Structures are given as structure tokens and as C-alpha cells.
Amino acid sequence: MVNTYRFYMQLSREEYLQYYAGEASCIQVYSEDGTSLQFPASAVKPWITHQGIEGFFIIKFDANHKLIELKKIKSNRVIT
């Protein structure tokens, strides 16, 4: 069973640097339905900019709550 969630995330460059420096290893967000989600900070590396990270994402976890996939989306379109 795969659980899929959609969420919005906005982290400034300074906030993400805390993860990068090892001060924190996981990011916690809330999905659009209010579910608390936690995943490794390293999962968002493909979308880091000089300003930080901002946008809508879809995340998938397996039945054991292990991260399967994280994709950034624009509107209802997946960005690869």
C-alpha cells in the first residue's frame, strides 16, 4: 500500500543551511489534508536554489512509512 500526499513547502536559504550543516536531518511539513509528514532533508536537494526551496510537492511513502518518491509539481503538473 502506497500513501500519497500533497504539500506546500517554503524554506529560506538560511533555514535549509541548518539541514545542510547537519543541525537537523529531517524536514517536517503538513500535507493539504493536515497529515504531519517527516522525510530526510536530503530528499529536497534537487530543488534547492539560492533563495531556498518553495513550491508544491507530492510525496509517496510505503506501508512502513519509508519514502518512495518526492516530486515537485507546478499546479497539477509534475516537474522532473
PDB file of N, CA and C in Angstrom:
ATOM      1  N   MET A   1       0.841  -1.184   0.000  1.00  0.00           N
ATOM      2  CA  MET A   1       0.000   0.000   0.000  1.00  0.00           C
ATOM      3  C   MET A   1       0.887   1.250   0.000  1.00  0.00           C
ATOM      4  N   VAL A   2       0.619   2.146  -0.910  1.00  0.00           N
ATOM      5  CA  VAL A   2       1.367   3.391  -1.030  1.00  0.00           C
ATOM      6  C   VAL A   2       0.478   4.544  -0.572  1.00  0.00           C
ATOM      7  N   ASN A   3       1.026   5.399   0.277  1.00  0.00           N
ATOM      8  CA  ASN A   3       0.309   6.590   0.730  1.00  0.00           C
ATOM      9  C   ASN A   3       0.903   7.793   0.011  1.00  0.00           C
ATOM     10  N   THR A   4       0.043   8.583  -0.621  1.00  0.00           N
ATOM     11  CA  THR A   4       0.470   9.750  -1.391  1.00  0.00           C
ATOM     12  C   THR A   4      -0.116  11.009  -0.764  1.00  0.00           C
ATOM     13  N   TYR A   5       0.725  12.032  -0.635  1.00  0.00           N
ATOM     14  CA  TYR A   5       0.299  13.295  -0.033  1.00  0.00           C
ATOM     15  C   TYR A   5       0.802  14.447  -0.886  1.00  0.00           C
ATOM     16  N   ARG A   6       0.097  15.550  -0.814  1.00  0.00           N
ATOM     17  CA  ARG A   6       0.495  16.782  -1.489  1.00  0.00           C
ATOM     18  C   ARG A   6       0.699  17.838  -0.408  1.00  0.00           C
ATOM     19  N   PHE A   7       1.774  18.632  -0.551  1.00  0.00           N
ATOM     20  CA  PHE A   7       2.029  19.680   0.436  1.00  0.00           C
ATOM     21  C   PHE A   7       2.764  20.851  -0.202  1.00  0.00           C
ATOM     22  N   TYR A   8       2.701  21.985   0.478  1.00  0.00           N
ATOM     23  CA  TYR A   8       3.429  23.183   0.073  1.00  0.00           C
ATOM     24  C   TYR A   8       4.568  23.378   1.064  1.00  0.00           C
ATOM     25  N   MET A   9       5.738  23.736   0.561  1.00  0.00           N
ATOM     26  CA  MET A   9       6.876  23.961   1.435  1.00  0.00           C
ATOM     27  C   MET A   9       7.595  25.225   1.010  1.00  0.00           C
ATOM     28  N   GLN A  10       7.982  26.009   2.018  1.00  0.00           N
ATOM     29  CA  GLN A  10       8.788  27.194   1.769  1.00  0.00           C
ATOM     30  C   GLN A  10       9.863  27.246   2.851  1.00  0.00           C
ATOM     31  N   LEU A  11      11.105  27.082   2.449  1.00  0.00           N
ATOM     32  CA  LEU A  11      12.252  27.178   3.352  1.00  0.00           C
ATOM     33  C   LEU A  11      13.217  28.210   2.781  1.00  0.00           C
ATOM     34  N   SER A  12      13.632  29.136   3.610  1.00  0.00           N
ATOM     35  CA  SER A  12      14.626  30.106   3.155  1.00  0.00           C
ATOM     36  C   SER A  12      15.965  29.404   3.015  1.00  0.00           C
ATOM     37  N   ARG A  13      16.882  30.069   2.367  1.00  0.00           N
ATOM     38  CA  ARG A  13      18.229  29.528   2.203  1.00  0.00           C
ATOM     39  C   ARG A  13      18.854  29.271   3.583  1.00  0.00           C
ATOM     40  N   GLU A  14      18.670  30.197   4.514  1.00  0.00           N
ATOM     41  CA  GLU A  14      19.237  30.063   5.848  1.00  0.00           C
ATOM     42  C   GLU A  14      18.635  28.862   6.586  1.00  0.00           C
ATOM     43  N   GLU A  15      17.330  28.659   6.426  1.00  0.00           N
ATOM     44  CA  GLU A  15      16.686  27.506   7.062  1.00  0.00           C
ATOM     45  C   GLU A  15      17.235  26.201   6.494  1.00  0.00           C
ATOM     46  N   TYR A  16      17.380  26.133   5.172  1.00  0.00           N
ATOM     47  CA  TYR A  16      17.886  24.893   4.601  1.00  0.00           C
ATOM     48  C   TYR A  16      19.334  24.650   4.997  1.00  0.00           C
ATOM     49  N   LEU A  17      20.125  25.694   5.159  1.00  0.00           N
ATOM     50  CA  LEU A  17      21.523  25.524   5.556  1.00  0.00           C
ATOM     51  C   LEU A  17      21.651  24.824   6.906  1.00  0.00           C
ATOM     52  N   GLN A  18      20.645  24.963   7.772  1.00  0.00           N
ATOM     53  CA  GLN A  18      20.643  24.227   9.046  1.00  0.00           C
ATOM     54  C   GLN A  18      20.609  22.722   8.790  1.00  0.00           C
ATOM     55  N   TYR A  19      19.835  22.308   7.815  1.00  0.00           N
ATOM     56  CA  TYR A  19      19.780  20.893   7.447  1.00  0.00           C
ATOM     57  C   TYR A  19      21.098  20.470   6.816  1.00  0.00           C
ATOM     58  N   TYR A  20      21.596  21.316   5.922  1.00  0.00           N
ATOM     59  CA  TYR A  20      22.832  21.012   5.205  1.00  0.00           C
ATOM     60  C   TYR A  20      24.011  20.884   6.173  1.00  0.00           C
ATOM     61  N   ALA A  21      24.013  21.708   7.218  1.00  0.00           N
ATOM     62  CA  ALA A  21      25.100  21.688   8.201  1.00  0.00           C
ATOM     63  C   ALA A  21      24.968  20.531   9.188  1.00  0.00           C
ATOM     64  N   GLY A  22      23.893  19.783   9.093  1.00  0.00           N
ATOM     65  CA  GLY A  22      23.712  18.636   9.979  1.00  0.00           C
ATOM     66  C   GLY A  22      23.040  18.969  11.294  1.00  0.00           C
ATOM     67  N   GLU A  23      22.557  20.195  11.441  1.00  0.00           N
ATOM     68  CA  GLU A  23      21.865  20.580  12.669  1.00  0.00           C
ATOM     69  C   GLU A  23      20.507  19.892  12.769  1.00  0.00           C
ATOM     70  N   ALA A  24      19.967  19.505  11.648  1.00  0.00           N
ATOM     71  CA  ALA A  24      18.709  18.758  11.596  1.00  0.00           C
ATOM     72  C   ALA A  24      18.782  17.840  10.388  1.00  0.00           C
ATOM     73  N   SER A  25      18.228  16.646  10.516  1.00  0.00           N
ATOM     74  CA  SER A  25      18.327  15.692   9.404  1.00  0.00           C
ATOM     75  C   SER A  25      17.008  15.452   8.690  1.00  0.00           C
ATOM     76  N   CYS A  26      15.904  15.833   9.317  1.00  0.00           N
ATOM     77  CA  CYS A  26      14.582  15.595   8.723  1.00  0.00           C
ATOM     78  C   CYS A  26      13.804  16.893   8.608  1.00  0.00           C
ATOM     79  N   ILE A  27      12.978  16.940   7.592  1.00  0.00           N
ATOM     80  CA  ILE A  27      12.059  18.055   7.381  1.00  0.00           C
ATOM     81  C   ILE A  27      10.675  17.583   7.781  1.00  0.00           C
ATOM     82  N   GLN A  28       9.955  18.427   8.495  1.00  0.00           N
ATOM     83  CA  GLN A  28       8.580  18.106   8.870  1.00  0.00           C
ATOM     84  C   GLN A  28       7.656  19.142   8.248  1.00  0.00           C
ATOM     85  N   VAL A  29       6.633  18.668   7.569  1.00  0.00           N
ATOM     86  CA  VAL A  29       5.635  19.519   6.927  1.00  0.00           C
ATOM     87  C   VAL A  29       4.259  18.929   7.196  1.00  0.00           C
ATOM     88  N   TYR A  30       3.226  19.670   6.802  1.00  0.00           N
ATOM     89  CA  TYR A  30       1.858  19.169   6.884  1.00  0.00           C
ATOM     90  C   TYR A  30       1.274  19.090   5.485  1.00  0.00           C
ATOM     91  N   SER A  31       0.641  17.979   5.195  1.00  0.00           N
ATOM     92  CA  SER A  31       0.007  17.814   3.889  1.00  0.00           C
ATOM     93  C   SER A  31      -1.233  18.694   3.813  1.00  0.00           C
ATOM     94  N   GLU A  32      -1.801  18.780   2.633  1.00  0.00           N
ATOM     95  CA  GLU A  32      -3.006  19.587   2.449  1.00  0.00           C
ATOM     96  C   GLU A  32      -4.176  19.095   3.296  1.00  0.00           C
ATOM     97  N   ASP A  33      -4.171  17.801   3.645  1.00  0.00           N
ATOM     98  CA  ASP A  33      -5.257  17.284   4.485  1.00  0.00           C
ATOM     99  C   ASP A  33      -4.918  17.335   5.975  1.00  0.00           C
ATOM    100  N   GLY A  34      -3.778  17.951   6.328  1.00  0.00           N
ATOM    101  CA  GLY A  34      -3.403  18.128   7.724  1.00  0.00           C
ATOM    102  C   GLY A  34      -2.539  17.028   8.319  1.00  0.00           C
ATOM    103  N   THR A  35      -2.155  16.043   7.516  1.00  0.00           N
ATOM    104  CA  THR A  35      -1.308  14.955   7.999  1.00  0.00           C
ATOM    105  C   THR A  35       0.113  15.462   8.201  1.00  0.00           C
ATOM    106  N   SER A  36       0.701  15.161   9.357  1.00  0.00           N
ATOM    107  CA  SER A  36       2.087  15.518   9.622  1.00  0.00           C
ATOM    108  C   SER A  36       2.999  14.544   8.892  1.00  0.00           C
ATOM    109  N   LEU A  37       3.942  15.084   8.116  1.00  0.00           N
ATOM    110  CA  LEU A  37       4.865  14.270   7.330  1.00  0.00           C
ATOM    111  C   LEU A  37       6.301  14.595   7.720  1.00  0.00           C
ATOM    112  N   GLN A  38       7.142  13.586   7.736  1.00  0.00           N
ATOM    113  CA  GLN A  38       8.558  13.785   8.027  1.00  0.00           C
ATOM    114  C   GLN A  38       9.364  12.975   7.029  1.00  0.00           C
ATOM    115  N   PHE A  39      10.427  13.602   6.489  1.00  0.00           N
ATOM    116  CA  PHE A  39      11.257  12.915   5.498  1.00  0.00           C
ATOM    117  C   PHE A  39      12.673  13.481   5.564  1.00  0.00           C
ATOM    118  N   PRO A  40      13.655  12.755   5.034  1.00  0.00           N
ATOM    119  CA  PRO A  40      15.047  13.219   5.073  1.00  0.00           C
ATOM    120  C   PRO A  40      15.241  14.523   4.309  1.00  0.00           C
ATOM    121  N   ALA A  41      15.983  15.442   4.895  1.00  0.00           N
ATOM    122  CA  ALA A  41      16.247  16.727   4.245  1.00  0.00           C
ATOM    123  C   ALA A  41      16.958  16.537   2.912  1.00  0.00           C
ATOM    124  N   SER A  42      17.732  15.492   2.795  1.00  0.00           N
ATOM    125  CA  SER A  42      18.464  15.243   1.548  1.00  0.00           C
ATOM    126  C   SER A  42      17.531  15.025   0.361  1.00  0.00           C
ATOM    127  N   ALA A  43      16.276  14.683   0.602  1.00  0.00           N
ATOM    128  CA  ALA A  43      15.329  14.410  -0.486  1.00  0.00           C
ATOM    129  C   ALA A  43      15.004  15.652  -1.304  1.00  0.00           C
ATOM    130  N   VAL A  44      15.207  16.851  -0.750  1.00  0.00           N
ATOM    131  CA  VAL A  44      14.849  18.072  -1.481  1.00  0.00           C
ATOM    132  C   VAL A  44      16.037  18.717  -2.204  1.00  0.00           C
ATOM    133  N   LYS A  45      17.196  18.099  -2.147  1.00  0.00           N
ATOM    134  CA  LYS A  45      18.390  18.682  -2.777  1.00  0.00           C
ATOM    135  C   LYS A  45      18.196  19.084  -4.240  1.00  0.00           C
ATOM    136  N   PRO A  46      17.458  18.312  -5.047  1.00  0.00           N
ATOM    137  CA  PRO A  46      17.311  18.706  -6.462  1.00  0.00           C
ATOM    138  C   PRO A  46      16.619  20.054  -6.672  1.00  0.00           C
ATOM    139  N   TRP A  47      15.920  20.558  -5.667  1.00  0.00           N
ATOM    140  CA  TRP A  47      15.134  21.785  -5.835  1.00  0.00           C
ATOM    141  C   TRP A  47      15.666  22.963  -5.040  1.00  0.00           C
ATOM    142  N   ILE A  48      16.861  22.861  -4.512  1.00  0.00           N
ATOM    143  CA  ILE A  48      17.450  23.955  -3.746  1.00  0.00           C
ATOM    144  C   ILE A  48      17.913  25.045  -4.713  1.00  0.00           C
ATOM    145  N   THR A  49      17.558  26.278  -4.397  1.00  0.00           N
ATOM    146  CA  THR A  49      18.041  27.431  -5.163  1.00  0.00           C
ATOM    147  C   THR A  49      18.772  28.364  -4.199  1.00  0.00           C
ATOM    148  N   HIS A  50      19.293  29.448  -4.709  1.00  0.00           N
ATOM    149  CA  HIS A  50      19.959  30.424  -3.846  1.00  0.00           C
ATOM    150  C   HIS A  50      18.982  31.063  -2.871  1.00  0.00           C
ATOM    151  N   GLN A  51      17.707  31.043  -3.199  1.00  0.00           N
ATOM    152  CA  GLN A  51      16.692  31.609  -2.321  1.00  0.00           C
ATOM    153  C   GLN A  51      16.158  30.584  -1.319  1.00  0.00           C
ATOM    154  N   GLY A  52      16.426  29.332  -1.533  1.00  0.00           N
ATOM    155  CA  GLY A  52      15.902  28.270  -0.668  1.00  0.00           C
ATOM    156  C   GLY A  52      15.061  27.295  -1.475  1.00  0.00           C
ATOM    157  N   ILE A  53      13.957  26.887  -0.886  1.00  0.00           N
ATOM    158  CA  ILE A  53      13.057  25.930  -1.547  1.00  0.00           C
ATOM    159  C   ILE A  53      11.638  26.442  -1.380  1.00  0.00           C
ATOM    160  N   GLU A  54      10.892  26.452  -2.471  1.00  0.00           N
ATOM    161  CA  GLU A  54       9.496  26.851  -2.401  1.00  0.00           C
ATOM    162  C   GLU A  54       8.714  26.122  -3.471  1.00  0.00           C
ATOM    163  N   GLY A  55       7.532  25.638  -3.106  1.00  0.00           N
ATOM    164  CA  GLY A  55       6.664  25.035  -4.090  1.00  0.00           C
ATOM    165  C   GLY A  55       5.785  23.944  -3.533  1.00  0.00           C
ATOM    166  N   PHE A  56       4.991  23.387  -4.428  1.00  0.00           N
ATOM    167  CA  PHE A  56       4.124  22.265  -4.097  1.00  0.00           C
ATOM    168  C   PHE A  56       4.839  20.972  -4.447  1.00  0.00           C
ATOM    169  N   PHE A  57       4.643  19.966  -3.622  1.00  0.00           N
ATOM    170  CA  PHE A  57       5.292  18.679  -3.797  1.00  0.00           C
ATOM    171  C   PHE A  57       4.291  17.554  -3.609  1.00  0.00           C
ATOM    172  N   ILE A  58       4.580  16.425  -4.234  1.00  0.00           N
ATOM    173  CA  ILE A  58       3.860  15.176  -3.978  1.00  0.00           C
ATOM    174  C   ILE A  58       4.876  14.210  -3.416  1.00  0.00           C
ATOM    175  N   ILE A  59       4.493  13.566  -2.317  1.00  0.00           N
ATOM    176  CA  ILE A  59       5.387  12.616  -1.667  1.00  0.00           C
ATOM    177  C   ILE A  59       4.665  11.290  -1.506  1.00  0.00           C
ATOM    178  N   LYS A  60       5.417  10.198  -1.663  1.00  0.00           N
ATOM    179  CA  LYS A  60       4.847   8.856  -1.531  1.00  0.00           C
ATOM    180  C   LYS A  60       5.651   8.069  -0.508  1.00  0.00           C
ATOM    181  N   PHE A  61       4.923   7.382   0.388  1.00  0.00           N
ATOM    182  CA  PHE A  61       5.519   6.513   1.390  1.00  0.00           C
ATOM    183  C   PHE A  61       4.960   5.111   1.220  1.00  0.00           C
ATOM    184  N   ASP A  62       5.778   4.098   1.540  1.00  0.00           N
ATOM    185  CA  ASP A  62       5.267   2.725   1.502  1.00  0.00           C
ATOM    186  C   ASP A  62       4.526   2.427   2.811  1.00  0.00           C
ATOM    187  N   ALA A  63       4.058   1.201   2.967  1.00  0.00           N
ATOM    188  CA  ALA A  63       3.276   0.810   4.140  1.00  0.00           C
ATOM    189  C   ALA A  63       4.083   0.914   5.428  1.00  0.00           C
ATOM    190  N   ASN A  64       5.406   0.895   5.327  1.00  0.00           N
ATOM    191  CA  ASN A  64       6.269   1.021   6.503  1.00  0.00           C
ATOM    192  C   ASN A  64       6.727   2.461   6.718  1.00  0.00           C
ATOM    193  N   HIS A  65       6.091   3.398   6.034  1.00  0.00           N
ATOM    194  CA  HIS A  65       6.386   4.832   6.140  1.00  0.00           C
ATOM    195  C   HIS A  65       7.762   5.207   5.597  1.00  0.00           C
ATOM    196  N   LYS A  66       8.294   4.390   4.715  1.00  0.00           N
ATOM    197  CA  LYS A  66       9.573   4.684   4.073  1.00  0.00           C
ATOM    198  C   LYS A  66       9.313   5.518   2.825  1.00  0.00           C
ATOM    199  N   LEU A  67      10.121   6.562   2.641  1.00  0.00           N
ATOM    200  CA  LEU A  67       9.974   7.434   1.482  1.00  0.00           C
ATOM    201  C   LEU A  67      10.217   6.658   0.190  1.00  0.00           C
ATOM    202  N   ILE A  68       9.261   6.737  -0.719  1.00  0.00           N
ATOM    203  CA  ILE A  68       9.390   6.103  -2.029  1.00  0.00           C
ATOM    204  C   ILE A  68       9.790   7.138  -3.072  1.00  0.00           C
ATOM    205  N   GLU A  69       9.105   8.291  -3.027  1.00  0.00           N
ATOM    206  CA  GLU A  69       9.302   9.281  -4.088  1.00  0.00           C
ATOM    207  C   GLU A  69       8.883  10.657  -3.599  1.00  0.00           C
ATOM    208  N   LEU A  70       9.603  11.675  -4.061  1.00  0.00           N
ATOM    209  CA  LEU A  70       9.255  13.064  -3.816  1.00  0.00           C
ATOM    210  C   LEU A  70       9.389  13.795  -5.133  1.00  0.00           C
ATOM    211  N   LYS A  71       8.328  14.469  -5.558  1.00  0.00           N
ATOM    212  CA  LYS A  71       8.345  15.216  -6.816  1.00  0.00           C
ATOM    213  C   LYS A  71       7.791  16.603  -6.586  1.00  0.00           C
ATOM    214  N   LYS A  72       8.415  17.579  -7.224  1.00  0.00           N
ATOM    215  CA  LYS A  72       7.891  18.935  -7.192  1.00  0.00           C
ATOM    216  C   LYS A  72       6.861  19.063  -8.298  1.00  0.00           C
ATOM    217  N   ILE A  73       5.782  19.748  -8.009  1.00  0.00           N
ATOM    218  CA  ILE A  73       4.728  19.930  -9.011  1.00  0.00           C
ATOM    219  C   ILE A  73       4.446  21.413  -9.195  1.00  0.00           C
ATOM    220  N   LYS A  74       3.972  21.732 -10.362  1.00  0.00           N
ATOM    221  CA  LYS A  74       3.521  23.085 -10.655  1.00  0.00           C
ATOM    222  C   LYS A  74       2.078  22.943 -11.065  1.00  0.00           C
ATOM    223  N   SER A  75       1.190  23.518 -10.290  1.00  0.00           N
ATOM    224  CA  SER A  75      -0.238  23.309 -10.471  1.00  0.00           C
ATOM    225  C   SER A  75      -0.485  21.813 -10.328  1.00  0.00           C
ATOM    226  N   ASN A  76      -0.964  21.174 -11.366  1.00  0.00           N
ATOM    227  CA  ASN A  76      -1.210  19.744 -11.318  1.00  0.00           C
ATOM    228  C   ASN A  76      -0.224  18.973 -12.195  1.00  0.00           C
ATOM    229  N   ARG A  77       0.862  19.647 -12.611  1.00  0.00           N
ATOM    230  CA  ARG A  77       1.852  19.032 -13.478  1.00  0.00           C
ATOM    231  C   ARG A  77       3.115  18.697 -12.693  1.00  0.00           C
ATOM    232  N   VAL A  78       3.657  17.549 -12.893  1.00  0.00           N
ATOM    233  CA  VAL A  78       4.888  17.134 -12.220  1.00  0.00           C
ATOM    234  C   VAL A  78       6.079  17.722 -12.946  1.00  0.00           C
ATOM    235  N   ILE A  79       7.031  18.262 -12.162  1.00  0.00           N
ATOM    236  CA  ILE A  79       8.270  18.789 -12.720  1.00  0.00           C
ATOM    237  C   ILE A  79       9.352  17.753 -12.493  1.00  0.00           C
ATOM    238  N   THR A  80      10.037  17.345 -13.548  1.00  0.00           N
ATOM    239  CA  THR A  80      11.100  16.354 -13.388  1.00  0.00           C
ATOM    240  C   THR A  80      12.460  16.982 -13.549  1.00  0.00           C
TER     241      THR A  80
END
